[in-house]
Amino acid sequence: MVKNAAILEQFELELMRREPVDFRRNLAIVEALAEEATTLGVFRRLDPLEGIETIIRVARAVNHVGVPLDASLGHWVEQSPGETG
């Protein structure tokens, strides 16, 4: 149990600053996690484009935060750079 979260957070920040980034190690970790997920059946999609519509909708929503939705058209209103809605 952590009794002082601020001290732990400070320790973690210092540790990250001192340790260099090890790309190969990080890649090995990601590959191991992907393999484990596949083994557990989390990655079952055979078609890589399955569900792409949902991914595109989420990406559009995230990229258009603050841009008004035109309900009559059913899509986001495109604006010129610098234009506010």
Foldseek 3Di string as FASTA:
>chain_A
DDPDVVVVVVVVVVVVVPDDDDVVVVVVVVVVVVVVCVVVVVPVDPDPCVPVVVVVVVVQCVVQVQFDADVVVRGTDDDDPPDHD
